[in-house]
Amino acid sequence: MSTQGDETLNEFRSSIDNIDAALILLLAERFKVTGKVGDYKAKVGLPPADLDREAEQIQRLRQLADEAGLDPVFSEKFLRFVIDEVIRHHEKAGNGY
């Protein structure tokens, strides 16, 4: 059975597509800012990772996820993936301690 003509499903999918686009644009913006953080850290001699900040962010976002009805474990995994990518970018930018 083809679902192409299902208007309700198409509306849901359109919403998902818009949300996915927004997520990508938000991640791109986040990486622009974290790129500036990495440049600054390299300039002043700070290490690429800040474990205290990471722990605070993970705890804060786990709480937000829980309040929003999203699995906090999933949100932590997602944030950990993003943080690891940011650190990789910082190290690649010459701030690898």
PDB file of N, CA and C in Angstrom:
ATOM      1  N   MET A   1       0.831  -1.182   0.000  1.00  0.00           N
ATOM      2  CA  MET A   1       0.000   0.000   0.000  1.00  0.00           C
ATOM      3  C   MET A   1       0.879   1.250   0.000  1.00  0.00           C
ATOM      4  N   SER A   2       0.666   2.139  -0.944  1.00  0.00           N
ATOM      5  CA  SER A   2       1.421   3.379  -1.044  1.00  0.00           C
ATOM      6  C   SER A   2       0.873   4.402  -0.050  1.00  0.00           C
ATOM      7  N   THR A   3       1.778   5.137   0.569  1.00  0.00           N
ATOM      8  CA  THR A   3       1.355   6.162   1.521  1.00  0.00           C
ATOM      9  C   THR A   3       1.474   7.562   0.930  1.00  0.00           C
ATOM     10  N   GLN A   4       1.856   7.679  -0.331  1.00  0.00           N
ATOM     11  CA  GLN A   4       2.068   8.998  -0.931  1.00  0.00           C
ATOM     12  C   GLN A   4       0.805   9.856  -0.945  1.00  0.00           C
ATOM     13  N   GLY A   5      -0.349   9.282  -1.127  1.00  0.00           N
ATOM     14  CA  GLY A   5      -1.586  10.039  -1.199  1.00  0.00           C
ATOM     15  C   GLY A   5      -2.228  10.303   0.143  1.00  0.00           C
ATOM     16  N   ASP A   6      -1.625   9.846   1.214  1.00  0.00           N
ATOM     17  CA  ASP A   6      -2.179  10.011   2.561  1.00  0.00           C
ATOM     18  C   ASP A   6      -1.851  11.424   3.060  1.00  0.00           C
ATOM     19  N   GLU A   7      -2.836  12.305   3.010  1.00  0.00           N
ATOM     20  CA  GLU A   7      -2.623  13.717   3.354  1.00  0.00           C
ATOM     21  C   GLU A   7      -2.179  13.907   4.801  1.00  0.00           C
ATOM     22  N   THR A   8      -2.770  13.155   5.717  1.00  0.00           N
ATOM     23  CA  THR A   8      -2.392  13.271   7.128  1.00  0.00           C
ATOM     24  C   THR A   8      -0.935  12.881   7.322  1.00  0.00           C
ATOM     25  N   LEU A   9      -0.540  11.763   6.733  1.00  0.00           N
ATOM     26  CA  LEU A   9       0.845  11.321   6.841  1.00  0.00           C
ATOM     27  C   LEU A   9       1.790  12.334   6.202  1.00  0.00           C
ATOM     28  N   ASN A  10       1.391  12.881   5.068  1.00  0.00           N
ATOM     29  CA  ASN A  10       2.218  13.883   4.388  1.00  0.00           C
ATOM     30  C   ASN A  10       2.404  15.132   5.245  1.00  0.00           C
ATOM     31  N   GLU A  11       1.355  15.531   5.969  1.00  0.00           N
ATOM     32  CA  GLU A  11       1.466  16.685   6.864  1.00  0.00           C
ATOM     33  C   GLU A  11       2.435  16.397   8.010  1.00  0.00           C
ATOM     34  N   PHE A  12       2.323  15.203   8.592  1.00  0.00           N
ATOM     35  CA  PHE A  12       3.266  14.816   9.648  1.00  0.00           C
ATOM     36  C   PHE A  12       4.697  14.833   9.114  1.00  0.00           C
ATOM     37  N   ARG A  13       4.881  14.257   7.952  1.00  0.00           N
ATOM     38  CA  ARG A  13       6.224  14.186   7.364  1.00  0.00           C
ATOM     39  C   ARG A  13       6.764  15.574   7.037  1.00  0.00           C
ATOM     40  N   SER A  14       5.895  16.457   6.591  1.00  0.00           N
ATOM     41  CA  SER A  14       6.318  17.827   6.311  1.00  0.00           C
ATOM     42  C   SER A  14       6.788  18.509   7.587  1.00  0.00           C
ATOM     43  N   SER A  15       6.061  18.295   8.676  1.00  0.00           N
ATOM     44  CA  SER A  15       6.469  18.851   9.973  1.00  0.00           C
ATOM     45  C   SER A  15       7.817  18.288  10.400  1.00  0.00           C
ATOM     46  N   ILE A  16       7.995  16.990  10.229  1.00  0.00           N
ATOM     47  CA  ILE A  16       9.270  16.356  10.577  1.00  0.00           C
ATOM     48  C   ILE A  16      10.398  16.949   9.734  1.00  0.00           C
ATOM     49  N   ASP A  17      10.159  17.134   8.450  1.00  0.00           N
ATOM     50  CA  ASP A  17      11.175  17.717   7.574  1.00  0.00           C
ATOM     51  C   ASP A  17      11.569  19.119   8.037  1.00  0.00           C
ATOM     52  N   ASN A  18      10.578  19.912   8.431  1.00  0.00           N
ATOM     53  CA  ASN A  18      10.857  21.266   8.914  1.00  0.00           C
ATOM     54  C   ASN A  18      11.649  21.242  10.217  1.00  0.00           C
ATOM     55  N   ILE A  19      11.276  20.351  11.106  1.00  0.00           N
ATOM     56  CA  ILE A  19      11.995  20.224  12.377  1.00  0.00           C
ATOM     57  C   ILE A  19      13.434  19.772  12.126  1.00  0.00           C
ATOM     58  N   ASP A  20      13.617  18.795  11.239  1.00  0.00           N
ATOM     59  CA  ASP A  20      14.971  18.329  10.908  1.00  0.00           C
ATOM     60  C   ASP A  20      15.818  19.464  10.348  1.00  0.00           C
ATOM     61  N   ALA A  21      15.230  20.284   9.474  1.00  0.00           N
ATOM     62  CA  ALA A  21      15.961  21.422   8.908  1.00  0.00           C
ATOM     63  C   ALA A  21      16.352  22.403  10.009  1.00  0.00           C
ATOM     64  N   ALA A  22      15.424  22.674  10.932  1.00  0.00           N
ATOM     65  CA  ALA A  22      15.719  23.580  12.037  1.00  0.00           C
ATOM     66  C   ALA A  22      16.838  23.026  12.920  1.00  0.00           C
ATOM     67  N   LEU A  23      16.807  21.722  13.186  1.00  0.00           N
ATOM     68  CA  LEU A  23      17.869  21.100  13.989  1.00  0.00           C
ATOM     69  C   LEU A  23      19.238  21.283  13.331  1.00  0.00           C
ATOM     70  N   ILE A  24      19.295  21.063  12.031  1.00  0.00           N
ATOM     71  CA  ILE A  24      20.571  21.203  11.319  1.00  0.00           C
ATOM     72  C   ILE A  24      21.054  22.646  11.378  1.00  0.00           C
ATOM     73  N   LEU A  25      20.153  23.598  11.151  1.00  0.00           N
ATOM     74  CA  LEU A  25      20.543  25.012  11.201  1.00  0.00           C
ATOM     75  C   LEU A  25      20.981  25.418  12.601  1.00  0.00           C
ATOM     76  N   LEU A  26      20.298  24.915  13.623  1.00  0.00           N
ATOM     77  CA  LEU A  26      20.697  25.201  15.002  1.00  0.00           C
ATOM     78  C   LEU A  26      22.053  24.582  15.331  1.00  0.00           C
ATOM     79  N   LEU A  27      22.279  23.361  14.873  1.00  0.00           N
ATOM     80  CA  LEU A  27      23.592  22.742  15.097  1.00  0.00           C
ATOM     81  C   LEU A  27      24.699  23.508  14.387  1.00  0.00           C
ATOM     82  N   ALA A  28      24.421  23.974  13.170  1.00  0.00           N
ATOM     83  CA  ALA A  28      25.415  24.766  12.438  1.00  0.00           C
ATOM     84  C   ALA A  28      25.742  26.043  13.204  1.00  0.00           C
ATOM     85  N   GLU A  29      24.717  26.689  13.738  1.00  0.00           N
ATOM     86  CA  GLU A  29      24.936  27.910  14.519  1.00  0.00           C
ATOM     87  C   GLU A  29      25.718  27.605  15.795  1.00  0.00           C
ATOM     88  N   ARG A  30      25.378  26.486  16.434  1.00  0.00           N
ATOM     89  CA  ARG A  30      26.090  26.087  17.646  1.00  0.00           C
ATOM     90  C   ARG A  30      27.569  25.858  17.351  1.00  0.00           C
ATOM     91  N   PHE A  31      27.863  25.208  16.224  1.00  0.00           N
ATOM     92  CA  PHE A  31      29.254  24.941  15.879  1.00  0.00           C
ATOM     93  C   PHE A  31      30.001  26.216  15.491  1.00  0.00           C
ATOM     94  N   LYS A  32      29.309  27.222  14.974  1.00  0.00           N
ATOM     95  CA  LYS A  32      29.959  28.510  14.714  1.00  0.00           C
ATOM     96  C   LYS A  32      30.424  29.123  16.029  1.00  0.00           C
ATOM     97  N   VAL A  33      29.541  29.073  17.029  1.00  0.00           N
ATOM     98  CA  VAL A  33      29.882  29.656  18.330  1.00  0.00           C
ATOM     99  C   VAL A  33      30.963  28.834  19.021  1.00  0.00           C
ATOM    100  N   THR A  34      30.834  27.521  19.000  1.00  0.00           N
ATOM    101  CA  THR A  34      31.863  26.702  19.655  1.00  0.00           C
ATOM    102  C   THR A  34      33.194  26.808  18.922  1.00  0.00           C
ATOM    103  N   GLY A  35      33.155  27.112  17.630  1.00  0.00           N
ATOM    104  CA  GLY A  35      34.401  27.373  16.899  1.00  0.00           C
ATOM    105  C   GLY A  35      35.102  28.596  17.454  1.00  0.00           C
ATOM    106  N   LYS A  36      34.317  29.613  17.775  1.00  0.00           N
ATOM    107  CA  LYS A  36      34.889  30.819  18.391  1.00  0.00           C
ATOM    108  C   LYS A  36      35.460  30.499  19.770  1.00  0.00           C
ATOM    109  N   VAL A  37      34.748  29.644  20.505  1.00  0.00           N
ATOM    110  CA  VAL A  37      35.251  29.214  21.817  1.00  0.00           C
ATOM    111  C   VAL A  37      36.589  28.504  21.645  1.00  0.00           C
ATOM    112  N   GLY A  38      36.660  27.605  20.663  1.00  0.00           N
ATOM    113  CA  GLY A  38      37.913  26.878  20.411  1.00  0.00           C
ATOM    114  C   GLY A  38      39.049  27.808  20.046  1.00  0.00           C
ATOM    115  N   ASP A  39      38.763  28.801  19.191  1.00  0.00           N
ATOM    116  CA  ASP A  39      39.794  29.780  18.819  1.00  0.00           C
ATOM    117  C   ASP A  39      40.271  30.539  20.046  1.00  0.00           C
ATOM    118  N   TYR A  40      39.324  30.943  20.880  1.00  0.00           N
ATOM    119  CA  TYR A  40      39.680  31.678  22.094  1.00  0.00           C
ATOM    120  C   TYR A  40      40.510  30.813  23.036  1.00  0.00           C
ATOM    121  N   LYS A  41      40.070  29.575  23.241  1.00  0.00           N
ATOM    122  CA  LYS A  41      40.818  28.677  24.129  1.00  0.00           C
ATOM    123  C   LYS A  41      42.241  28.474  23.619  1.00  0.00           C
ATOM    124  N   ALA A  42      42.411  28.312  22.317  1.00  0.00           N
ATOM    125  CA  ALA A  42      43.754  28.137  21.756  1.00  0.00           C
ATOM    126  C   ALA A  42      44.584  29.397  21.983  1.00  0.00           C
ATOM    127  N   LYS A  43      43.963  30.541  21.802  1.00  0.00           N
ATOM    128  CA  LYS A  43      44.662  31.830  21.951  1.00  0.00           C
ATOM    129  C   LYS A  43      45.174  32.039  23.366  1.00  0.00           C
ATOM    130  N   VAL A  44      44.349  31.650  24.360  1.00  0.00           N
ATOM    131  CA  VAL A  44      44.740  31.898  25.755  1.00  0.00           C
ATOM    132  C   VAL A  44      45.348  30.669  26.432  1.00  0.00           C
ATOM    133  N   GLY A  45      45.507  29.589  25.687  1.00  0.00           N
ATOM    134  CA  GLY A  45      46.183  28.409  26.218  1.00  0.00           C
ATOM    135  C   GLY A  45      45.330  27.505  27.085  1.00  0.00           C
ATOM    136  N   LEU A  46      44.018  27.508  26.855  1.00  0.00           N
ATOM    137  CA  LEU A  46      43.143  26.617  27.619  1.00  0.00           C
ATOM    138  C   LEU A  46      42.986  25.286  26.886  1.00  0.00           C
ATOM    139  N   PRO A  47      42.789  24.199  27.630  1.00  0.00           N
ATOM    140  CA  PRO A  47      42.585  22.902  26.974  1.00  0.00           C
ATOM    141  C   PRO A  47      41.254  22.869  26.226  1.00  0.00           C
ATOM    142  N   PRO A  48      41.147  22.006  25.218  1.00  0.00           N
ATOM    143  CA  PRO A  48      39.912  21.950  24.429  1.00  0.00           C
ATOM    144  C   PRO A  48      38.699  21.453  25.213  1.00  0.00           C
ATOM    145  N   ALA A  49      38.899  20.643  26.221  1.00  0.00           N
ATOM    146  CA  ALA A  49      37.783  20.097  26.997  1.00  0.00           C
ATOM    147  C   ALA A  49      37.699  20.795  28.351  1.00  0.00           C
ATOM    148  N   ASP A  50      36.492  20.990  28.814  1.00  0.00           N
ATOM    149  CA  ASP A  50      36.225  21.541  30.140  1.00  0.00           C
ATOM    150  C   ASP A  50      35.244  20.585  30.815  1.00  0.00           C
ATOM    151  N   LEU A  51      35.778  19.643  31.572  1.00  0.00           N
ATOM    152  CA  LEU A  51      34.962  18.572  32.142  1.00  0.00           C
ATOM    153  C   LEU A  51      33.890  19.079  33.099  1.00  0.00           C
ATOM    154  N   ASP A  52      34.196  20.128  33.858  1.00  0.00           N
ATOM    155  CA  ASP A  52      33.191  20.686  34.770  1.00  0.00           C
ATOM    156  C   ASP A  52      32.027  21.275  33.982  1.00  0.00           C
ATOM    157  N   ARG A  53      32.335  22.042  32.952  1.00  0.00           N
ATOM    158  CA  ARG A  53      31.292  22.644  32.105  1.00  0.00           C
ATOM    159  C   ARG A  53      30.455  21.548  31.434  1.00  0.00           C
ATOM    160  N   GLU A  54      31.126  20.522  30.921  1.00  0.00           N
ATOM    161  CA  GLU A  54      30.417  19.426  30.260  1.00  0.00           C
ATOM    162  C   GLU A  54      29.441  18.752  31.222  1.00  0.00           C
ATOM    163  N   ALA A  55      29.894  18.492  32.437  1.00  0.00           N
ATOM    164  CA  ALA A  55      29.034  17.840  33.435  1.00  0.00           C
ATOM    165  C   ALA A  55      27.826  18.720  33.762  1.00  0.00           C
ATOM    166  N   GLU A  56      28.054  20.028  33.901  1.00  0.00           N
ATOM    167  CA  GLU A  56      26.957  20.956  34.169  1.00  0.00           C
ATOM    168  C   GLU A  56      25.952  20.949  33.022  1.00  0.00           C
ATOM    169  N   GLN A  57      26.459  20.998  31.791  1.00  0.00           N
ATOM    170  CA  GLN A  57      25.579  21.018  30.628  1.00  0.00           C
ATOM    171  C   GLN A  57      24.767  19.730  30.516  1.00  0.00           C
ATOM    172  N   ILE A  58      25.430  18.619  30.742  1.00  0.00           N
ATOM    173  CA  ILE A  58      24.728  17.334  30.651  1.00  0.00           C
ATOM    174  C   ILE A  58      23.620  17.273  31.694  1.00  0.00           C
ATOM    175  N   GLN A  59      23.916  17.675  32.911  1.00  0.00           N
ATOM    176  CA  GLN A  59      22.902  17.658  33.968  1.00  0.00           C
ATOM    177  C   GLN A  59      21.753  18.598  33.623  1.00  0.00           C
ATOM    178  N   ARG A  60      22.070  19.799  33.152  1.00  0.00           N
ATOM    179  CA  ARG A  60      21.040  20.783  32.800  1.00  0.00           C
ATOM    180  C   ARG A  60      20.138  20.260  31.681  1.00  0.00           C
ATOM    181  N   LEU A  61      20.756  19.664  30.650  1.00  0.00           N
ATOM    182  CA  LEU A  61      19.968  19.187  29.522  1.00  0.00           C
ATOM    183  C   LEU A  61      19.208  17.908  29.845  1.00  0.00           C
ATOM    184  N   ARG A  62      19.738  17.091  30.744  1.00  0.00           N
ATOM    185  CA  ARG A  62      18.971  15.924  31.197  1.00  0.00           C
ATOM    186  C   ARG A  62      17.696  16.389  31.899  1.00  0.00           C
ATOM    187  N   GLN A  63      17.810  17.426  32.723  1.00  0.00           N
ATOM    188  CA  GLN A  63      16.644  17.956  33.425  1.00  0.00           C
ATOM    189  C   GLN A  63      15.648  18.549  32.432  1.00  0.00           C
ATOM    190  N   LEU A  64      16.137  19.333  31.477  1.00  0.00           N
ATOM    191  CA  LEU A  64      15.256  19.902  30.448  1.00  0.00           C
ATOM    192  C   LEU A  64      14.547  18.797  29.667  1.00  0.00           C
ATOM    193  N   ALA A  65      15.298  17.767  29.312  1.00  0.00           N
ATOM    194  CA  ALA A  65      14.712  16.654  28.568  1.00  0.00           C
ATOM    195  C   ALA A  65      13.610  15.987  29.385  1.00  0.00           C
ATOM    196  N   ASP A  66      13.892  15.744  30.643  1.00  0.00           N
ATOM    197  CA  ASP A  66      12.900  15.111  31.506  1.00  0.00           C
ATOM    198  C   ASP A  66      11.634  15.971  31.594  1.00  0.00           C
ATOM    199  N   GLU A  67      11.815  17.265  31.767  1.00  0.00           N
ATOM    200  CA  GLU A  67      10.670  18.179  31.852  1.00  0.00           C
ATOM    201  C   GLU A  67       9.885  18.218  30.543  1.00  0.00           C
ATOM    202  N   ALA A  68      10.576  18.003  29.410  1.00  0.00           N
ATOM    203  CA  ALA A  68       9.925  18.042  28.098  1.00  0.00           C
ATOM    204  C   ALA A  68       9.351  16.695  27.684  1.00  0.00           C
ATOM    205  N   GLY A  69       9.536  15.683  28.522  1.00  0.00           N
ATOM    206  CA  GLY A  69       9.033  14.357  28.195  1.00  0.00           C
ATOM    207  C   GLY A  69       9.931  13.583  27.246  1.00  0.00           C
ATOM    208  N   LEU A  70      11.196  13.978  27.177  1.00  0.00           N
ATOM    209  CA  LEU A  70      12.186  13.299  26.340  1.00  0.00           C
ATOM    210  C   LEU A  70      13.079  12.460  27.243  1.00  0.00           C
ATOM    211  N   ASP A  71      13.466  11.310  26.792  1.00  0.00           N
ATOM    212  CA  ASP A  71      14.315  10.418  27.577  1.00  0.00           C
ATOM    213  C   ASP A  71      15.640  11.115  27.910  1.00  0.00           C
ATOM    214  N   PRO A  72      15.924  11.354  29.202  1.00  0.00           N
ATOM    215  CA  PRO A  72      17.176  12.010  29.582  1.00  0.00           C
ATOM    216  C   PRO A  72      18.422  11.242  29.138  1.00  0.00           C
ATOM    217  N   VAL A  73      18.340   9.935  29.091  1.00  0.00           N
ATOM    218  CA  VAL A  73      19.484   9.130  28.641  1.00  0.00           C
ATOM    219  C   VAL A  73      19.777   9.435  27.173  1.00  0.00           C
ATOM    220  N   PHE A  74      18.724   9.514  26.355  1.00  0.00           N
ATOM    221  CA  PHE A  74      18.905   9.869  24.955  1.00  0.00           C
ATOM    222  C   PHE A  74      19.512  11.259  24.829  1.00  0.00           C
ATOM    223  N   SER A  75      18.985  12.214  25.608  1.00  0.00           N
ATOM    224  CA  SER A  75      19.493  13.582  25.508  1.00  0.00           C
ATOM    225  C   SER A  75      20.966  13.645  25.901  1.00  0.00           C
ATOM    226  N   GLU A  76      21.348  12.865  26.893  1.00  0.00           N
ATOM    227  CA  GLU A  76      22.762  12.842  27.297  1.00  0.00           C
ATOM    228  C   GLU A  76      23.632  12.246  26.199  1.00  0.00           C
ATOM    229  N   LYS A  77      23.175  11.171  25.582  1.00  0.00           N
ATOM    230  CA  LYS A  77      23.937  10.563  24.488  1.00  0.00           C
ATOM    231  C   LYS A  77      24.103  11.542  23.337  1.00  0.00           C
ATOM    232  N   PHE A  78      23.018  12.254  23.012  1.00  0.00           N
ATOM    233  CA  PHE A  78      23.065  13.223  21.924  1.00  0.00           C
ATOM    234  C   PHE A  78      24.038  14.351  22.261  1.00  0.00           C
ATOM    235  N   LEU A  79      23.918  14.905  23.471  1.00  0.00           N
ATOM    236  CA  LEU A  79      24.811  15.992  23.868  1.00  0.00           C
ATOM    237  C   LEU A  79      26.253  15.512  23.923  1.00  0.00           C
ATOM    238  N   ARG A  80      26.484  14.306  24.405  1.00  0.00           N
ATOM    239  CA  ARG A  80      27.842  13.767  24.465  1.00  0.00           C
ATOM    240  C   ARG A  80      28.440  13.685  23.057  1.00  0.00           C
ATOM    241  N   PHE A  81      27.628  13.250  22.100  1.00  0.00           N
ATOM    242  CA  PHE A  81      28.075  13.179  20.708  1.00  0.00           C
ATOM    243  C   PHE A  81      28.460  14.573  20.203  1.00  0.00           C
ATOM    244  N   VAL A  82      27.623  15.566  20.498  1.00  0.00           N
ATOM    245  CA  VAL A  82      27.898  16.932  20.058  1.00  0.00           C
ATOM    246  C   VAL A  82      29.156  17.466  20.746  1.00  0.00           C
ATOM    247  N   ILE A  83      29.269  17.272  22.043  1.00  0.00           N
ATOM    248  CA  ILE A  83      30.445  17.744  22.781  1.00  0.00           C
ATOM    249  C   ILE A  83      31.712  17.095  22.242  1.00  0.00           C
ATOM    250  N   ASP A  84      31.672  15.796  22.011  1.00  0.00           N
ATOM    251  CA  ASP A  84      32.854  15.105  21.474  1.00  0.00           C
ATOM    252  C   ASP A  84      33.258  15.676  20.120  1.00  0.00           C
ATOM    253  N   GLU A  85      32.277  16.018  19.304  1.00  0.00           N
ATOM    254  CA  GLU A  85      32.562  16.606  17.995  1.00  0.00           C
ATOM    255  C   GLU A  85      33.167  18.001  18.152  1.00  0.00           C
ATOM    256  N   VAL A  86      32.661  18.780  19.086  1.00  0.00           N
ATOM    257  CA  VAL A  86      33.211  20.108  19.354  1.00  0.00           C
ATOM    258  C   VAL A  86      34.671  19.985  19.791  1.00  0.00           C
ATOM    259  N   ILE A  87      34.941  19.073  20.703  1.00  0.00           N
ATOM    260  CA  ILE A  87      36.315  18.885  21.181  1.00  0.00           C
ATOM    261  C   ILE A  87      37.219  18.451  20.034  1.00  0.00           C
ATOM    262  N   ARG A  88      36.719  17.578  19.175  1.00  0.00           N
ATOM    263  CA  ARG A  88      37.505  17.147  18.011  1.00  0.00           C
ATOM    264  C   ARG A  88      37.845  18.344  17.130  1.00  0.00           C
ATOM    265  N   HIS A  89      36.889  19.240  16.943  1.00  0.00           N
ATOM    266  CA  HIS A  89      37.135  20.450  16.151  1.00  0.00           C
ATOM    267  C   HIS A  89      38.171  21.338  16.829  1.00  0.00           C
ATOM    268  N   HIS A  90      38.075  21.478  18.155  1.00  0.00           N
ATOM    269  CA  HIS A  90      39.036  22.300  18.898  1.00  0.00           C
ATOM    270  C   HIS A  90      40.440  21.724  18.762  1.00  0.00           C
ATOM    271  N   GLU A  91      40.547  20.406  18.875  1.00  0.00           N
ATOM    272  CA  GLU A  91      41.865  19.773  18.755  1.00  0.00           C
ATOM    273  C   GLU A  91      42.416  19.937  17.343  1.00  0.00           C
ATOM    274  N   LYS A  92      41.543  19.818  16.358  1.00  0.00           N
ATOM    275  CA  LYS A  92      41.952  19.973  14.955  1.00  0.00           C
ATOM    276  C   LYS A  92      42.402  21.399  14.673  1.00  0.00           C
ATOM    277  N   ALA A  93      41.846  22.349  15.397  1.00  0.00           N
ATOM    278  CA  ALA A  93      42.180  23.762  15.187  1.00  0.00           C
ATOM    279  C   ALA A  93      43.507  24.128  15.839  1.00  0.00           C
ATOM    280  N   GLY A  94      44.216  23.140  16.369  1.00  0.00           N
ATOM    281  CA  GLY A  94      45.518  23.419  16.940  1.00  0.00           C
ATOM    282  C   GLY A  94      45.498  23.604  18.438  1.00  0.00           C
ATOM    283  N   ASN A  95      44.408  23.242  19.055  1.00  0.00           N
ATOM    284  CA  ASN A  95      44.306  23.385  20.495  1.00  0.00           C
ATOM    285  C   ASN A  95      44.321  22.015  21.155  1.00  0.00           C
ATOM    286  N   GLY A  96      45.097  21.090  20.591  1.00  0.00           N
ATOM    287  CA  GLY A  96      45.107  19.737  21.126  1.00  0.00           C
ATOM    288  C   GLY A  96      46.136  19.537  22.205  1.00  0.00           C
ATOM    289  N   TYR A  97      45.691  19.450  23.432  1.00  0.00           N
ATOM    290  CA  TYR A  97      46.606  19.227  24.563  1.00  0.00           C
ATOM    291  C   TYR A  97      46.748  17.759  24.808  1.00  0.00           C
TER     292      TYR A  97
END
